[in-house]
């Protein structure tokens, strides 16, 4: 059944439920005269909440992401991607991983100031920092708030390498700064492209840029000398796994130098949210897709085992790996992302200190 034919489906949102926050004892419900309580699912407008953190750079020491440094100027994401692993982090703020994640966005206006303080630490040695490791740094509100742009200005000021991951064409607004960073081998861009099928994209990632738009981003960045990697992620067996060669070819044709992928995993509340969504969006193949996901993760929807949680294992996962490898060999042979230059870092951002 298509969304338009399902009166229970919220257009323009990914999650169709507000899953219960395990950290909260109570939750809002809609009380009916008949005495039946139902979830309160009004499709309200997006709200912004200001956070003033004391630090902005996070370091991951997990075996899968060892020594990964990242900045997330936003928590929550209006893009509404149904599969997003970051949904669970919204529960730490007292919100739901479901609809709340898409319409209650936490912003960090002091991010650039905190990044400058980080670079000014006495023993700081330049490392590549990822924008963003959790939620998209170019989600719709960035067009107005320009927090990500202010961060890029600090990266350029200090000549520190940065790797950006996004699925939004708002990034082209900052092409002036990004191309200048790239000319110094200080910038990589990773463009997430999950499907070339527009009908699937609208259901899977309702508030994101079309595949055509993302391919245009790859082309325009590449034409300006910015190294681009396409991220075919996440791969959902039975939904978009057959598109891997087409995605990589389309990106390569527009100048992409590399490709990456992950296999979807549905940890925490995401399992409930995704299961509810796929039964409404694709009832004819819901069980097949869910079983294929389980086949990649030792019979479970969730997977926290390092080494397997993002790449999967078993026959279904192996076929995906082989398809990806063959596509890269065919369309991206003899291409690679350039190495970052860590020798250009400017302590204090080039400011002269007063010795007297």
Protein backbone atom coordinates (compact mmCIF):
# COMPACT_ATOMS: atom_id res chain seq x y z
CA UNK A 1 0.00 0.00 0.00
CA UNK A 2 1.43 3.40 -0.92
CA UNK A 3 1.63 6.23 1.60
CA UNK A 4 -1.04 8.24 -0.18
CA UNK A 5 -3.46 5.33 0.21
CA UNK A 6 -2.75 4.79 3.90
CA UNK A 7 -4.61 7.30 6.12
CA UNK A 8 -2.41 6.33 9.07
CA UNK A 9 0.78 7.46 7.33
CA UNK A 10 2.31 10.87 8.17
CA UNK A 11 3.47 12.48 4.96
CA UNK A 12 6.82 14.20 5.20
CA UNK A 13 7.97 12.25 8.27
CA UNK A 14 9.96 9.07 8.45
CA UNK A 15 8.94 7.63 11.82
CA UNK A 16 5.27 6.86 12.21
CA UNK A 17 5.40 6.42 15.99
CA UNK A 18 6.91 8.10 19.01
CA UNK A 19 8.62 5.15 20.60
CA UNK A 20 8.79 5.02 24.39
CA UNK A 21 11.89 6.56 25.96
CA UNK A 22 13.36 3.95 28.30
CA UNK A 23 14.77 6.72 30.49
CA UNK A 24 11.30 8.15 31.25
CA UNK A 25 8.69 6.69 33.59
CA UNK A 26 5.76 8.47 31.93
CA UNK A 27 4.65 9.30 28.42
CA UNK A 28 1.94 11.40 26.75
CA UNK A 29 -1.06 9.58 25.28
CA UNK A 30 -4.37 10.67 23.78
CA UNK A 31 -7.24 9.82 26.11
CA UNK A 32 -10.47 8.71 24.44
CA UNK A 33 -13.91 8.79 25.99
CA UNK A 34 -14.08 5.05 25.45
CA UNK A 35 -11.18 4.68 27.88
CA UNK A 36 -8.64 3.59 25.27
CA UNK A 37 -5.31 5.37 25.41
CA UNK A 38 -3.46 5.89 22.14
CA UNK A 39 -0.10 7.55 21.35
CA UNK A 40 -0.20 11.30 20.75
CA UNK A 41 1.04 11.55 17.17
CA UNK A 42 0.12 15.02 16.00
CA UNK A 43 2.37 16.07 13.13
CA UNK A 44 3.60 19.31 14.69
CA UNK A 45 6.09 21.72 13.21
CA UNK A 46 9.79 21.41 13.90
CA UNK A 47 11.00 22.94 17.18
CA UNK A 48 14.52 24.13 18.01
CA UNK A 49 16.18 23.73 21.41
CA UNK A 50 19.44 25.52 22.28
CA UNK A 51 22.24 23.64 23.98
CA UNK A 52 25.43 25.27 25.29
CA UNK A 53 27.92 22.39 25.63
CA UNK A 54 31.32 22.81 27.26
CA UNK A 55 33.09 20.87 24.52
CA UNK A 56 32.24 20.17 20.88
CA UNK A 57 34.75 17.53 19.67
CA UNK A 58 33.93 13.92 20.52
CA UNK A 59 36.39 11.03 20.29
CA UNK A 60 35.35 7.44 19.66
CA UNK A 61 37.57 4.66 20.91
CA UNK A 62 35.40 1.77 19.73
CA UNK A 63 37.25 -0.91 17.72
CA UNK A 64 35.14 -0.09 14.65
CA UNK A 65 35.80 3.66 14.84
CA UNK A 66 39.10 3.89 16.66
CA UNK A 67 40.35 7.44 17.21
CA UNK A 68 37.53 9.01 15.22
CA UNK A 69 37.06 12.66 16.13
CA UNK A 70 33.72 14.23 15.29
CA UNK A 71 31.59 17.33 15.73
CA UNK A 72 27.80 17.34 15.74
CA UNK A 73 26.46 20.91 15.59
CA UNK A 74 22.93 19.46 15.72
CA UNK A 75 21.26 16.61 17.60
CA UNK A 76 18.14 15.19 16.04
CA UNK A 77 17.63 15.53 12.29
CA UNK A 78 14.73 16.84 10.26
CA UNK A 79 15.67 14.62 7.31
CA UNK A 80 13.69 11.84 8.98
CA UNK A 81 15.67 8.87 7.66
CA UNK A 82 13.81 5.90 9.10
CA UNK A 83 16.93 3.74 9.65
CA UNK A 84 19.09 6.35 11.41
CA UNK A 85 21.14 4.86 14.27
CA UNK A 86 21.39 8.35 15.82
CA UNK A 87 17.72 8.23 16.77
CA UNK A 88 18.61 6.46 20.02
CA UNK A 89 20.78 9.36 21.19
CA UNK A 90 17.70 11.59 21.35
CA UNK A 91 16.48 9.63 24.34
CA UNK A 92 19.34 11.05 26.43
CA UNK A 93 17.75 14.47 25.99
CA UNK A 94 14.38 13.23 27.27
CA UNK A 95 12.86 12.92 23.80
CA UNK A 96 11.60 10.00 21.73
CA UNK A 97 13.74 8.34 19.07
CA UNK A 98 10.68 8.42 16.79
CA UNK A 99 8.89 11.54 15.66
CA UNK A 100 10.64 13.67 18.31
CA UNK A 101 13.99 12.96 16.66
CA UNK A 102 12.73 14.58 13.45
CA UNK A 103 10.88 17.58 14.86
CA UNK A 104 12.73 18.50 18.08
CA UNK A 105 16.17 19.63 16.92
CA UNK A 106 18.90 20.59 19.40
CA UNK A 107 21.26 23.27 18.13
CA UNK A 108 24.71 24.31 19.38
CA UNK A 109 25.29 27.97 18.41
CA UNK A 110 28.65 28.17 20.24
CA UNK A 111 30.19 25.28 18.28
CA UNK A 112 32.77 27.39 16.40
CA UNK A 113 33.94 29.09 19.59
CA UNK A 114 34.44 25.70 21.25
CA UNK A 115 36.32 24.35 18.23
CA UNK A 116 38.72 27.28 18.36
CA UNK A 117 39.33 26.58 22.05
CA UNK A 118 40.03 22.94 21.15
CA UNK A 119 42.61 23.92 18.53
CA UNK A 120 44.25 26.29 21.02
CA UNK A 121 44.96 23.58 23.58
CA UNK A 122 48.63 23.58 24.50
CA UNK A 123 49.48 20.07 23.29
CA UNK A 124 47.02 19.80 20.40
CA UNK A 125 48.27 17.83 17.41
CA UNK A 126 46.21 18.13 14.21
CA UNK A 127 43.81 15.27 13.48
CA UNK A 128 41.06 14.92 10.91
CA UNK A 129 37.70 15.84 12.44
CA UNK A 130 34.43 14.55 11.00
CA UNK A 131 31.38 16.73 10.39
CA UNK A 132 29.15 14.96 11.42
CA UNK A 133 29.47 11.55 13.03
CA UNK A 134 25.89 11.44 14.24
CA UNK A 135 23.35 13.72 12.51
CA UNK A 136 23.67 15.69 9.28
CA UNK A 137 25.57 18.96 9.69
CA UNK A 138 23.73 20.30 6.60
CA UNK A 139 20.18 19.50 7.63
CA UNK A 140 17.55 22.10 6.62
CA UNK A 141 17.95 24.47 9.59
CA UNK A 142 21.65 24.98 8.71
CA UNK A 143 20.55 27.09 5.76
CA UNK A 144 19.45 29.74 8.26
CA UNK A 145 21.70 29.18 11.30
CA UNK A 146 25.04 28.68 9.48
CA UNK A 147 26.65 26.86 12.41
CA UNK A 148 28.43 24.43 10.09
CA UNK A 149 29.71 27.31 7.98
CA UNK A 150 31.15 28.97 11.09
CA UNK A 151 32.95 25.71 11.92
CA UNK A 152 34.45 25.48 8.44
CA UNK A 153 35.78 29.01 8.82
CA UNK A 154 37.68 27.86 11.92
CA UNK A 155 39.02 24.79 10.10
CA UNK A 156 40.34 27.06 7.36
CA UNK A 157 41.74 29.60 9.81
CA UNK A 158 43.76 26.92 11.59
CA UNK A 159 44.44 24.81 8.47
CA UNK A 160 43.08 21.67 10.14
CA UNK A 161 41.79 18.70 8.07
CA UNK A 162 38.04 18.10 8.00
CA UNK A 163 35.89 15.33 6.55
CA UNK A 164 32.23 16.13 5.89
CA UNK A 165 29.36 13.67 5.50
CA UNK A 166 25.98 14.87 4.25
CA UNK A 167 23.03 14.12 1.99
CA UNK A 168 21.91 17.74 1.60
CA UNK A 169 22.76 20.18 -1.19
CA UNK A 170 23.02 23.04 1.31
CA UNK A 171 26.71 22.12 1.31
CA UNK A 172 27.09 23.91 -2.04
CA UNK A 173 26.51 27.21 -0.25
CA UNK A 174 29.89 26.69 1.43
CA UNK A 175 31.75 25.65 -1.70
CA UNK A 176 33.94 28.75 -1.40
CA UNK A 177 35.43 27.61 1.92
CA UNK A 178 35.43 23.89 1.12
CA UNK A 179 37.23 24.33 -2.21
CA UNK A 180 39.87 26.47 -0.50
CA UNK A 181 40.38 23.74 2.11
CA UNK A 182 40.52 21.09 -0.61
CA UNK A 183 43.19 23.00 -2.52
CA UNK A 184 45.36 22.55 0.58
CA UNK A 185 44.46 18.85 0.94
CA UNK A 186 42.44 19.65 4.03
CA UNK A 187 38.94 18.54 3.01
CA UNK A 188 37.09 15.38 2.01
CA UNK A 189 33.33 15.21 1.38
CA UNK A 190 31.26 12.04 1.77
CA UNK A 191 27.87 12.20 0.05
CA UNK A 192 25.33 9.69 1.34
CA UNK A 193 23.28 8.16 -1.49
CA UNK A 194 20.95 5.37 -0.40
CA UNK A 195 18.79 4.92 -3.49
CA UNK A 196 18.32 6.19 -7.05
CA UNK A 197 14.64 5.22 -6.83
CA UNK A 198 12.74 8.41 -6.04
CA UNK A 199 9.65 6.60 -4.75
CA UNK A 200 11.79 4.63 -2.30
CA UNK A 201 13.74 7.75 -1.32
CA UNK A 202 10.53 9.61 -0.44
CA UNK A 203 9.50 6.82 1.92
CA UNK A 204 12.93 6.04 3.34
CA UNK A 205 14.28 9.59 3.74
CA UNK A 206 11.27 11.92 3.41
CA UNK A 207 12.93 15.31 3.93
CA UNK A 208 16.17 14.76 2.08
CA UNK A 209 17.40 15.93 -1.30
CA UNK A 210 16.60 13.72 -4.28
CA UNK A 211 19.17 11.34 -5.71
CA UNK A 212 19.45 13.63 -8.75
CA UNK A 213 20.22 16.51 -6.40
CA UNK A 214 22.89 14.55 -4.56
CA UNK A 215 24.54 13.46 -7.80
CA UNK A 216 24.63 17.13 -8.78
CA UNK A 217 26.39 17.86 -5.47
CA UNK A 218 29.02 15.22 -6.27
CA UNK A 219 29.57 16.70 -9.71
CA UNK A 220 29.80 20.32 -8.58
CA UNK A 221 32.18 19.51 -5.74
CA UNK A 222 34.34 17.38 -8.01
CA UNK A 223 34.50 20.10 -10.65
CA UNK A 224 35.91 22.44 -7.98
CA UNK A 225 38.62 19.95 -7.04
CA UNK A 226 36.95 18.70 -3.85
CA UNK A 227 37.58 14.96 -3.25
CA UNK A 228 34.24 13.15 -2.94
CA UNK A 229 33.39 9.68 -1.68
CA UNK A 230 29.90 8.26 -2.22
CA UNK A 231 28.45 6.45 0.78
CA UNK A 232 25.94 3.81 -0.31
CA UNK A 233 24.65 3.56 3.20
CA UNK A 234 22.94 1.92 4.74
CA UNK A 235 22.32 -1.05 2.50
CA UNK A 236 18.98 -2.63 3.41
CA UNK A 237 18.73 -6.13 1.91
CA UNK A 238 15.55 -6.47 -0.11
CA UNK A 239 15.04 -2.70 -0.39
CA UNK A 240 18.09 -1.07 -1.97
CA UNK A 241 20.77 -3.80 -2.06
CA UNK A 242 20.22 -4.38 -5.79
CA UNK A 243 21.08 -0.73 -6.50
CA UNK A 244 24.72 -0.87 -5.37
CA UNK A 245 26.29 -1.01 -8.88
CA UNK A 246 23.99 1.71 -10.24
CA UNK A 247 24.71 4.02 -7.29
CA UNK A 248 28.48 3.65 -7.61
CA UNK A 249 28.40 4.05 -11.39
CA UNK A 250 26.26 7.20 -11.18
CA UNK A 251 28.58 8.71 -8.58
CA UNK A 252 31.73 7.72 -10.49
CA UNK A 253 30.33 9.27 -13.68
CA UNK A 254 30.10 12.57 -11.79
CA UNK A 255 33.62 12.48 -10.41
CA UNK A 256 33.49 10.49 -7.16
CA UNK A 257 36.88 9.05 -6.23
CA UNK A 258 35.83 6.38 -3.77
CA UNK A 259 32.88 4.57 -2.24
CA UNK A 260 31.85 3.09 1.08
CA UNK A 261 28.87 1.24 2.51
CA UNK A 262 27.39 -0.17 5.69
CA UNK A 263 24.67 -2.77 6.23
CA UNK A 264 21.72 -1.51 8.22
CA UNK A 265 21.40 -2.47 11.87
CA UNK A 266 18.39 -1.63 14.00
CA UNK A 267 19.57 -1.09 17.55
CA UNK A 268 17.49 0.14 20.47
CA UNK A 269 14.26 1.91 19.61
CA UNK A 270 15.14 1.97 15.89
CA UNK A 271 14.02 -1.68 15.58
CA UNK A 272 10.49 -0.79 16.74
CA UNK A 273 10.35 2.36 14.60
CA UNK A 274 11.66 0.65 11.46
CA UNK A 275 9.42 -2.42 11.89
CA UNK A 276 6.33 -0.24 12.27
CA UNK A 277 7.38 1.83 9.23
CA UNK A 278 8.10 -1.03 6.84
CA UNK A 279 4.83 -2.77 7.67
CA UNK A 280 3.02 0.44 6.68
CA UNK A 281 5.23 1.42 3.73
CA UNK A 282 5.92 -2.02 2.21
CA UNK A 283 3.50 -4.52 3.76
CA UNK A 284 4.00 -6.93 0.87
CA UNK A 285 7.71 -7.45 1.60
CA UNK A 286 8.08 -6.35 5.22
CA UNK A 287 8.77 -9.82 6.64
CA UNK A 288 11.22 -10.66 3.84
CA UNK A 289 13.25 -7.49 4.47
CA UNK A 290 13.24 -7.92 8.25
CA UNK A 291 14.37 -11.54 7.93
CA UNK A 292 17.16 -10.53 5.53
CA UNK A 293 18.37 -7.92 8.02
CA UNK A 294 18.35 -10.55 10.77
CA UNK A 295 20.33 -12.90 8.53
CA UNK A 296 23.14 -10.30 8.48
CA UNK A 297 23.22 -9.95 12.27
CA UNK A 298 23.15 -13.43 13.79
CA UNK A 299 19.37 -13.68 13.66
CA UNK A 300 18.67 -10.31 15.32
CA UNK A 301 17.62 -6.87 14.12
CA UNK A 302 20.03 -5.24 16.56
CA UNK A 303 23.77 -5.88 16.56
CA UNK A 304 26.40 -4.46 18.89
CA UNK A 305 29.23 -6.87 18.08
CA UNK A 306 32.31 -4.97 16.90
CA UNK A 307 33.46 -6.03 13.45
CA UNK A 308 30.01 -7.28 12.43
CA UNK A 309 27.58 -4.57 13.48
CA UNK A 310 28.21 -2.33 10.45
CA UNK A 311 29.36 -4.88 7.86
CA UNK A 312 27.20 -7.88 8.75
CA UNK A 313 28.05 -11.53 8.13
CA UNK A 314 26.45 -14.63 6.62
CA UNK A 315 25.37 -15.35 3.05
CA UNK A 316 23.19 -12.26 2.57
CA UNK A 317 25.94 -9.94 3.82
CA UNK A 318 28.59 -11.73 1.75
CA UNK A 319 26.58 -11.25 -1.45
CA UNK A 320 26.32 -7.53 -0.67
CA UNK A 321 30.08 -7.31 -0.06
CA UNK A 322 30.82 -9.06 -3.35
CA UNK A 323 28.43 -6.82 -5.29
CA UNK A 324 30.04 -3.72 -3.77
CA UNK A 325 33.56 -4.95 -4.49
CA UNK A 326 32.76 -5.76 -8.12
CA UNK A 327 31.11 -2.34 -8.62
CA UNK A 328 34.14 -0.52 -7.18
CA UNK A 329 36.55 -2.53 -9.33
CA UNK A 330 34.52 -1.72 -12.41
CA UNK A 331 33.69 1.94 -11.90
CA UNK A 332 36.31 3.31 -9.48
CA UNK A 333 39.48 1.52 -10.58
CA UNK A 334 42.65 3.61 -10.25
CA UNK A 335 40.88 6.29 -8.21
CA UNK A 336 41.51 7.15 -4.57
CA UNK A 337 40.98 9.94 -2.08
CA UNK A 338 44.08 12.11 -1.60
CA UNK A 339 45.85 12.03 1.75
CA UNK A 340 45.28 14.87 4.19
CA UNK A 341 48.06 17.36 4.81
CA UNK A 342 48.72 17.64 8.54
CA UNK A 343 51.73 19.93 8.17
CA UNK A 344 49.84 23.17 7.55
CA UNK A 345 48.26 23.56 10.98
CA UNK A 346 48.53 27.13 12.23
CA UNK A 347 48.74 27.39 16.04
CA UNK A 348 46.55 30.13 17.49
CA UNK A 349 45.05 30.55 14.05
CA UNK A 350 47.98 32.68 12.94
CA UNK A 351 47.55 35.25 15.70
CA UNK A 352 50.72 36.92 17.02
CA UNK A 353 51.10 36.62 20.79
CA UNK A 354 52.19 39.66 22.81
CA UNK A 355 55.49 38.82 24.54
CA UNK A 356 55.60 41.94 26.68
